[in-house]
Protein backbone atom coordinates (compact mmCIF):
# COMPACT_ATOMS: atom_id res chain seq x y z
CA MET A 1 -72.78 87.93 65.68
CA ILE A 2 -73.02 84.74 67.82
CA THR A 3 -70.59 82.93 70.12
CA VAL A 4 -69.32 79.54 69.12
CA GLN A 5 -66.98 77.21 70.88
CA SER A 6 -64.04 75.31 69.51
CA PHE A 7 -64.71 71.61 68.97
CA ASP A 8 -60.97 70.83 69.19
CA HIS A 9 -59.61 73.17 71.73
CA TYR A 10 -60.96 73.32 75.25
CA GLY A 11 -61.77 76.81 76.39
CA GLU A 12 -61.25 78.47 72.98
CA TRP A 13 -64.26 80.32 71.60
CA ALA A 14 -65.00 82.63 68.68
CA ARG A 15 -67.44 85.34 67.40
CA PHE A 16 -69.19 84.13 64.23
CA GLU A 17 -71.11 86.22 61.76
CA PRO A 18 -73.47 83.83 59.96
CA ALA A 19 -74.23 86.25 57.10
CA THR A 20 -70.67 86.51 56.08
CA GLY A 21 -68.92 83.48 57.56
CA SER A 22 -66.50 85.78 59.45
CA LEU A 23 -65.07 83.85 62.40
CA VAL A 24 -62.81 85.77 64.99
CA ILE A 25 -61.18 83.23 67.36
CA HIS A 26 -60.33 84.13 70.97
CA GLY A 27 -57.98 81.95 73.08
CA ARG A 28 -58.83 80.23 76.29
CA HIS A 29 -57.09 83.11 78.24
CA GLN A 30 -59.67 85.52 76.76
CA PRO A 31 -62.91 84.80 78.54
CA ALA A 32 -66.16 85.56 76.89
CA PRO A 33 -67.60 88.90 78.04
CA GLN A 34 -69.84 88.84 81.10
CA GLY A 35 -73.51 88.36 80.17
CA GLU A 36 -72.63 86.63 77.00
CA PRO A 37 -75.39 84.04 76.06
CA THR A 38 -74.91 80.40 75.92
CA PRO A 39 -72.78 79.42 72.93
CA SER A 40 -74.79 78.93 69.80
CA GLY A 41 -72.51 76.27 68.17
CA HIS A 42 -69.08 74.77 67.54
CA TYR A 43 -66.43 75.35 65.02
CA GLY A 44 -63.64 73.04 63.93
CA ARG A 45 -61.54 71.76 61.04
CA LEU A 46 -62.44 68.98 58.59
CA GLY A 47 -58.87 68.64 57.27
CA ASP A 48 -57.94 72.13 55.93
CA VAL A 49 -61.55 73.26 55.80
CA LEU A 50 -63.13 75.37 58.53
CA ALA A 51 -66.68 74.21 59.48
CA VAL A 52 -69.16 75.87 61.85
CA PHE A 53 -72.20 73.93 63.16
CA TYR A 54 -74.61 76.36 64.87
CA ARG A 55 -78.13 77.43 65.57
CA TYR A 56 -79.33 80.78 64.27
CA GLU A 57 -82.83 82.21 64.02
CA GLU A 58 -84.01 78.94 65.64
CA ASP A 59 -82.64 76.76 62.80
CA LEU A 60 -79.58 74.33 62.81
CA ARG A 61 -77.07 75.34 60.16
CA LEU A 62 -73.72 74.20 58.91
CA ARG A 63 -71.09 76.21 57.11
CA ILE A 64 -68.23 74.26 55.38
CA GLY A 65 -65.70 76.65 54.13
CA ASP A 66 -67.63 79.29 52.09
CA GLN A 67 -70.68 77.05 51.59
CA GLU A 68 -73.75 77.48 53.81
CA ILE A 69 -75.77 74.33 54.06
CA GLU A 70 -79.43 74.40 54.89
CA LEU A 71 -80.16 71.52 57.24
CA GLY A 72 -83.97 71.67 57.01
CA SER A 73 -86.01 69.17 58.96
CA SER A 74 -84.05 65.99 58.05
CA PRO A 75 -81.18 66.35 55.58
CA GLU A 76 -79.49 63.25 54.25
CA ALA A 77 -76.33 63.07 56.31
CA GLN A 78 -73.56 60.49 56.08
CA HIS A 79 -70.24 59.92 57.60
CA GLU A 80 -67.80 57.20 56.62
CA ARG A 81 -64.22 56.46 57.68
CA LEU A 82 -62.01 54.54 55.33
CA GLU A 83 -58.71 53.82 57.06
CA ASP A 84 -57.01 57.19 57.51
CA ARG A 85 -59.63 59.30 55.59
CA CYS A 86 -63.21 60.40 56.46
CA ARG A 87 -66.01 61.81 54.30
CA LEU A 88 -68.81 64.02 55.61
CA ALA A 89 -71.80 64.16 53.18
CA ILE A 90 -74.87 66.32 53.73
CA GLY A 91 -77.17 66.47 50.86
CA ARG A 92 -75.11 67.29 47.73
CA THR A 93 -72.25 68.71 49.74
CA SER A 94 -69.27 66.50 50.84
CA VAL A 95 -65.86 66.99 52.31
CA ASP A 96 -63.03 64.50 52.63
CA TYR A 97 -60.50 64.92 55.35
CA THR A 98 -57.81 63.17 57.26
CA ALA A 99 -59.32 60.89 60.00
CA PRO A 100 -58.77 62.31 63.49
CA ALA A 101 -56.09 60.38 65.53
CA VAL A 102 -57.66 58.16 68.09
CA LEU A 103 -56.28 55.74 70.65
CA ILE A 104 -56.03 52.24 69.19
CA ASP A 105 -56.06 50.41 72.50
CA PRO A 106 -59.16 51.28 74.55
CA SER A 107 -57.26 50.46 77.77
CA GLU A 108 -55.08 53.51 77.09
CA ASP A 109 -58.01 55.79 76.78
CA PRO A 110 -57.93 58.36 79.66
CA THR A 111 -61.56 59.16 78.88
CA PRO A 112 -63.48 55.95 78.98
CA PHE A 113 -66.84 57.81 78.90
CA ALA A 114 -65.95 59.43 75.53
CA GLU A 115 -67.50 58.42 72.21
CA PRO A 116 -65.83 58.44 68.82
CA GLU A 117 -67.94 61.56 67.92
CA ASP A 118 -66.06 63.41 70.64
CA PHE A 119 -62.92 63.28 68.44
CA ASP A 120 -64.34 63.77 64.99
CA PHE A 121 -66.30 66.96 64.21
CA GLY A 122 -67.89 65.46 61.07
CA LEU A 123 -69.17 62.41 63.01
CA PHE A 124 -70.50 64.67 65.66
CA VAL A 125 -72.50 66.69 63.19
CA VAL A 126 -74.01 63.50 61.60
CA SER A 127 -74.77 61.98 64.94
CA VAL A 128 -76.70 65.18 65.94
CA LEU A 129 -78.56 65.32 62.68
CA ARG A 130 -79.67 61.69 62.98
CA SER A 131 -81.12 62.17 66.48
CA PRO A 132 -84.39 64.17 66.59
CA SER A 133 -84.02 64.90 70.28
CA ARG A 134 -80.49 66.23 69.87
CA ARG A 135 -81.47 68.26 66.80
CA THR A 136 -84.22 69.87 68.74
CA ALA A 137 -82.22 70.68 71.91
CA LEU A 138 -78.73 71.42 70.69
CA TYR A 139 -77.56 74.99 71.06
CA LEU A 140 -80.79 76.42 72.45
CA SER A 141 -80.27 79.56 74.39
CA GLU A 142 -81.74 80.04 77.92
CA HIS A 143 -84.29 82.41 76.26
CA SER A 144 -85.68 79.96 73.74
């Protein structure tokens, strides 16, 4: 089992079993056990579908619902937003989901340093996969 953080809820974390896809969520008031390694990924929802983006056995991996997607060295990854819908496509797998709510007026944004990928898990995944340096460094443990 590995520890993954919530993409959508600060302080929430879960134990994830890559072999089965089992995810046990712990709230922000349940701190990770002492000595727990650095989180190995993030989990979030793409509409009604649970997705987990993580590193296991030195490889980046993605689980969308019950489907495990091998990311290999450079999978074809696309994200598109069409008004109120988004589509994440990785290789032959795709998922459509409701676009996350974002502030329309940038002057109202309390986090001017934030990027659109900070609010859209699918966009975050694609951004990482398109960046060789981020692909290499993301979710490395302190022992790697």
